[in-house]
Amino acid sequence: MVVDRDITAAQVIAAIRESAPPLLESVEAFDVYEGGSIAPGKKSMALACRYRGRDRTLTDEEVNRTHGELIDRVRSGLGAELRQ
């Protein structure tokens, strides 16, 4: 995700956990990048989200839908965008 430079990984993770769907087991930042093709005043943050159903194996459709909703929440809450 691309966010303003002053937004920390902890803030992004907190925003995700605050609105976390029940299937989200964990989230962690594993890379932060500035420069190159990233706009000035912005940074790219890579996050790993793990989804798990407590009582069943999740389908691709469930995970994709849940992940899309999570991205929408972070976009609206922090003004983040997916890196193209």
N, C-alpha and C. Protein backbone atom coordinates (compact mmCIF):
# COMPACT_ATOMS: atom_id res chain seq x y z
N MET A 1 0.84 -1.16 0.00
CA MET A 1 0.00 0.00 0.00
C MET A 1 0.90 1.23 0.00
N VAL A 2 0.42 2.29 -0.65
CA VAL A 2 1.13 3.56 -0.65
C VAL A 2 0.40 4.49 0.30
N VAL A 3 1.15 5.03 1.25
CA VAL A 3 0.59 5.91 2.27
C VAL A 3 1.45 7.17 2.38
N ASP A 4 0.94 8.18 3.07
CA ASP A 4 1.74 9.36 3.35
C ASP A 4 2.96 8.96 4.15
N ARG A 5 4.06 9.66 3.91
CA ARG A 5 5.34 9.33 4.54
C ARG A 5 5.26 9.31 6.07
N ASP A 6 4.42 10.16 6.67
CA ASP A 6 4.36 10.25 8.13
C ASP A 6 3.48 9.18 8.79
N ILE A 7 2.82 8.35 8.01
CA ILE A 7 2.02 7.26 8.57
C ILE A 7 2.94 6.07 8.85
N THR A 8 2.90 5.57 10.06
CA THR A 8 3.78 4.46 10.44
C THR A 8 3.13 3.11 10.16
N ALA A 9 3.97 2.08 10.11
CA ALA A 9 3.46 0.72 9.95
C ALA A 9 2.54 0.37 11.10
N ALA A 10 2.87 0.81 12.30
CA ALA A 10 2.03 0.54 13.47
C ALA A 10 0.64 1.15 13.30
N GLN A 11 0.56 2.33 12.70
CA GLN A 11 -0.74 2.96 12.48
C GLN A 11 -1.57 2.17 11.47
N VAL A 12 -0.93 1.71 10.41
CA VAL A 12 -1.64 0.92 9.40
C VAL A 12 -2.13 -0.39 10.02
N ILE A 13 -1.27 -1.06 10.75
CA ILE A 13 -1.65 -2.32 11.38
C ILE A 13 -2.78 -2.10 12.39
N ALA A 14 -2.70 -1.03 13.16
CA ALA A 14 -3.77 -0.73 14.13
C ALA A 14 -5.09 -0.48 13.41
N ALA A 15 -5.05 0.24 12.29
CA ALA A 15 -6.28 0.51 11.53
C ALA A 15 -6.87 -0.79 10.98
N ILE A 16 -6.01 -1.69 10.54
CA ILE A 16 -6.48 -2.98 10.04
C ILE A 16 -7.09 -3.80 11.17
N ARG A 17 -6.41 -3.87 12.28
CA ARG A 17 -6.92 -4.67 13.41
C ARG A 17 -8.21 -4.09 13.98
N GLU A 18 -8.32 -2.77 13.95
CA GLU A 18 -9.52 -2.10 14.47
C GLU A 18 -10.77 -2.51 13.70
N SER A 19 -10.62 -2.70 12.42
CA SER A 19 -11.77 -3.06 11.59
C SER A 19 -11.63 -4.48 11.05
N ALA A 20 -10.84 -5.28 11.73
CA ALA A 20 -10.52 -6.62 11.23
C ALA A 20 -11.74 -7.51 11.10
N PRO A 21 -11.85 -8.16 9.95
CA PRO A 21 -12.90 -9.16 9.80
C PRO A 21 -12.55 -10.38 10.65
N PRO A 22 -13.54 -11.18 11.01
CA PRO A 22 -13.29 -12.34 11.88
C PRO A 22 -12.28 -13.34 11.29
N LEU A 23 -12.15 -13.38 9.97
CA LEU A 23 -11.25 -14.34 9.35
C LEU A 23 -9.78 -13.90 9.37
N LEU A 24 -9.50 -12.66 9.73
CA LEU A 24 -8.12 -12.18 9.76
C LEU A 24 -7.43 -12.70 11.01
N GLU A 25 -6.43 -13.54 10.81
CA GLU A 25 -5.71 -14.10 11.95
C GLU A 25 -4.54 -13.22 12.37
N SER A 26 -3.80 -12.68 11.40
CA SER A 26 -2.66 -11.83 11.74
C SER A 26 -2.34 -10.89 10.58
N VAL A 27 -1.63 -9.82 10.92
CA VAL A 27 -1.14 -8.87 9.90
C VAL A 27 0.20 -8.35 10.38
N GLU A 28 1.15 -8.25 9.46
CA GLU A 28 2.47 -7.71 9.81
C GLU A 28 3.07 -7.00 8.60
N ALA A 29 3.81 -5.94 8.87
CA ALA A 29 4.53 -5.22 7.82
C ALA A 29 5.87 -5.92 7.61
N PHE A 30 6.24 -6.13 6.34
CA PHE A 30 7.52 -6.77 6.09
C PHE A 30 8.44 -5.97 5.18
N ASP A 31 7.97 -4.82 4.66
CA ASP A 31 8.84 -3.99 3.84
C ASP A 31 8.27 -2.58 3.75
N VAL A 32 9.16 -1.60 3.80
CA VAL A 32 8.79 -0.20 3.60
C VAL A 32 9.79 0.37 2.60
N TYR A 33 9.26 1.07 1.58
CA TYR A 33 10.12 1.58 0.51
C TYR A 33 9.74 3.01 0.18
N GLU A 34 10.74 3.86 0.02
CA GLU A 34 10.56 5.24 -0.43
C GLU A 34 11.49 5.49 -1.60
N GLY A 35 11.10 6.41 -2.47
CA GLY A 35 11.96 6.77 -3.59
C GLY A 35 11.53 6.09 -4.87
N GLY A 36 12.40 6.18 -5.88
CA GLY A 36 12.12 5.54 -7.16
C GLY A 36 10.80 5.99 -7.74
N SER A 37 9.92 5.05 -7.98
CA SER A 37 8.62 5.35 -8.60
C SER A 37 7.55 5.78 -7.60
N ILE A 38 7.91 5.87 -6.32
CA ILE A 38 6.96 6.30 -5.30
C ILE A 38 6.96 7.83 -5.26
N ALA A 39 5.79 8.42 -5.25
CA ALA A 39 5.66 9.88 -5.26
C ALA A 39 6.34 10.51 -4.03
N PRO A 40 6.88 11.72 -4.20
CA PRO A 40 7.47 12.42 -3.05
C PRO A 40 6.44 12.58 -1.93
N GLY A 41 6.89 12.41 -0.70
CA GLY A 41 6.00 12.53 0.45
C GLY A 41 5.19 11.27 0.74
N LYS A 42 5.44 10.22 -0.03
CA LYS A 42 4.72 8.94 0.13
C LYS A 42 5.72 7.82 0.36
N LYS A 43 5.22 6.69 0.82
CA LYS A 43 6.04 5.49 0.94
C LYS A 43 5.17 4.27 0.66
N SER A 44 5.80 3.23 0.22
CA SER A 44 5.12 1.97 -0.05
C SER A 44 5.36 1.04 1.13
N MET A 45 4.31 0.40 1.57
CA MET A 45 4.40 -0.50 2.72
C MET A 45 3.80 -1.85 2.30
N ALA A 46 4.59 -2.91 2.45
CA ALA A 46 4.11 -4.25 2.13
C ALA A 46 3.66 -4.93 3.42
N LEU A 47 2.47 -5.51 3.36
CA LEU A 47 1.89 -6.16 4.54
C LEU A 47 1.53 -7.60 4.21
N ALA A 48 1.69 -8.48 5.17
CA ALA A 48 1.26 -9.86 5.03
C ALA A 48 0.04 -10.06 5.92
N CYS A 49 -1.05 -10.45 5.30
CA CYS A 49 -2.29 -10.73 6.03
C CYS A 49 -2.56 -12.23 5.96
N ARG A 50 -2.82 -12.83 7.12
CA ARG A 50 -3.12 -14.26 7.17
C ARG A 50 -4.58 -14.43 7.58
N TYR A 51 -5.29 -15.21 6.79
CA TYR A 51 -6.70 -15.48 7.05
C TYR A 51 -6.87 -16.94 7.42
N ARG A 52 -7.80 -17.18 8.36
CA ARG A 52 -8.03 -18.56 8.78
C ARG A 52 -9.46 -18.70 9.29
N GLY A 53 -10.10 -19.77 8.86
CA GLY A 53 -11.41 -20.12 9.39
C GLY A 53 -11.20 -21.09 10.54
N ARG A 54 -11.80 -20.82 11.66
CA ARG A 54 -11.58 -21.68 12.84
C ARG A 54 -12.24 -23.05 12.69
N ASP A 55 -13.28 -23.10 11.86
CA ASP A 55 -14.03 -24.35 11.76
C ASP A 55 -14.06 -24.96 10.37
N ARG A 56 -13.31 -24.36 9.42
CA ARG A 56 -13.36 -24.88 8.05
C ARG A 56 -12.22 -24.31 7.22
N THR A 57 -12.02 -24.91 6.08
CA THR A 57 -11.06 -24.39 5.11
C THR A 57 -11.75 -23.27 4.33
N LEU A 58 -11.08 -22.16 4.20
CA LEU A 58 -11.66 -21.01 3.49
C LEU A 58 -11.55 -21.20 1.99
N THR A 59 -12.51 -20.67 1.27
CA THR A 59 -12.46 -20.69 -0.18
C THR A 59 -11.72 -19.45 -0.67
N ASP A 60 -11.22 -19.51 -1.89
CA ASP A 60 -10.58 -18.35 -2.50
C ASP A 60 -11.53 -17.16 -2.51
N GLU A 61 -12.78 -17.42 -2.81
CA GLU A 61 -13.77 -16.35 -2.88
C GLU A 61 -13.93 -15.65 -1.53
N GLU A 62 -13.98 -16.41 -0.44
CA GLU A 62 -14.11 -15.82 0.90
C GLU A 62 -12.91 -14.94 1.23
N VAL A 63 -11.72 -15.45 0.95
CA VAL A 63 -10.50 -14.70 1.26
C VAL A 63 -10.41 -13.44 0.40
N ASN A 64 -10.67 -13.58 -0.89
CA ASN A 64 -10.60 -12.42 -1.79
C ASN A 64 -11.61 -11.34 -1.41
N ARG A 65 -12.82 -11.73 -1.06
CA ARG A 65 -13.84 -10.77 -0.66
C ARG A 65 -13.44 -10.08 0.65
N THR A 66 -13.00 -10.86 1.62
CA THR A 66 -12.60 -10.32 2.91
C THR A 66 -11.40 -9.39 2.76
N HIS A 67 -10.42 -9.78 1.95
CA HIS A 67 -9.24 -8.95 1.73
C HIS A 67 -9.61 -7.64 1.02
N GLY A 68 -10.50 -7.73 0.05
CA GLY A 68 -10.96 -6.53 -0.64
C GLY A 68 -11.65 -5.55 0.29
N GLU A 69 -12.47 -6.07 1.20
CA GLU A 69 -13.15 -5.21 2.18
C GLU A 69 -12.14 -4.56 3.11
N LEU A 70 -11.12 -5.32 3.51
CA LEU A 70 -10.09 -4.78 4.39
C LEU A 70 -9.33 -3.65 3.68
N ILE A 71 -8.97 -3.85 2.43
CA ILE A 71 -8.28 -2.81 1.66
C ILE A 71 -9.15 -1.56 1.55
N ASP A 72 -10.42 -1.73 1.28
CA ASP A 72 -11.34 -0.58 1.19
C ASP A 72 -11.36 0.21 2.50
N ARG A 73 -11.35 -0.48 3.63
CA ARG A 73 -11.36 0.20 4.93
C ARG A 73 -10.08 1.00 5.16
N VAL A 74 -8.94 0.44 4.78
CA VAL A 74 -7.67 1.14 4.95
C VAL A 74 -7.59 2.33 3.99
N ARG A 75 -8.11 2.15 2.79
CA ARG A 75 -8.15 3.27 1.84
C ARG A 75 -8.96 4.43 2.41
N SER A 76 -10.14 4.14 2.91
CA SER A 76 -11.00 5.21 3.41
C SER A 76 -10.50 5.78 4.73
N GLY A 77 -9.90 4.96 5.58
CA GLY A 77 -9.46 5.42 6.88
C GLY A 77 -8.14 6.17 6.88
N LEU A 78 -7.21 5.74 6.00
CA LEU A 78 -5.88 6.34 5.99
C LEU A 78 -5.51 6.99 4.66
N GLY A 79 -6.39 6.93 3.70
CA GLY A 79 -6.08 7.48 2.38
C GLY A 79 -5.04 6.67 1.64
N ALA A 80 -4.90 5.42 1.99
CA ALA A 80 -3.92 4.54 1.34
C ALA A 80 -4.41 4.12 -0.04
N GLU A 81 -3.46 3.77 -0.89
CA GLU A 81 -3.76 3.25 -2.22
C GLU A 81 -2.92 2.00 -2.46
N LEU A 82 -3.43 1.11 -3.29
CA LEU A 82 -2.63 -0.05 -3.66
C LEU A 82 -1.56 0.41 -4.63
N ARG A 83 -0.37 -0.09 -4.47
CA ARG A 83 0.74 0.25 -5.36
C ARG A 83 0.53 -0.43 -6.70
N GLN A 84 0.64 0.32 -7.75
CA GLN A 84 0.45 -0.23 -9.10
C GLN A 84 1.74 -0.70 -9.70
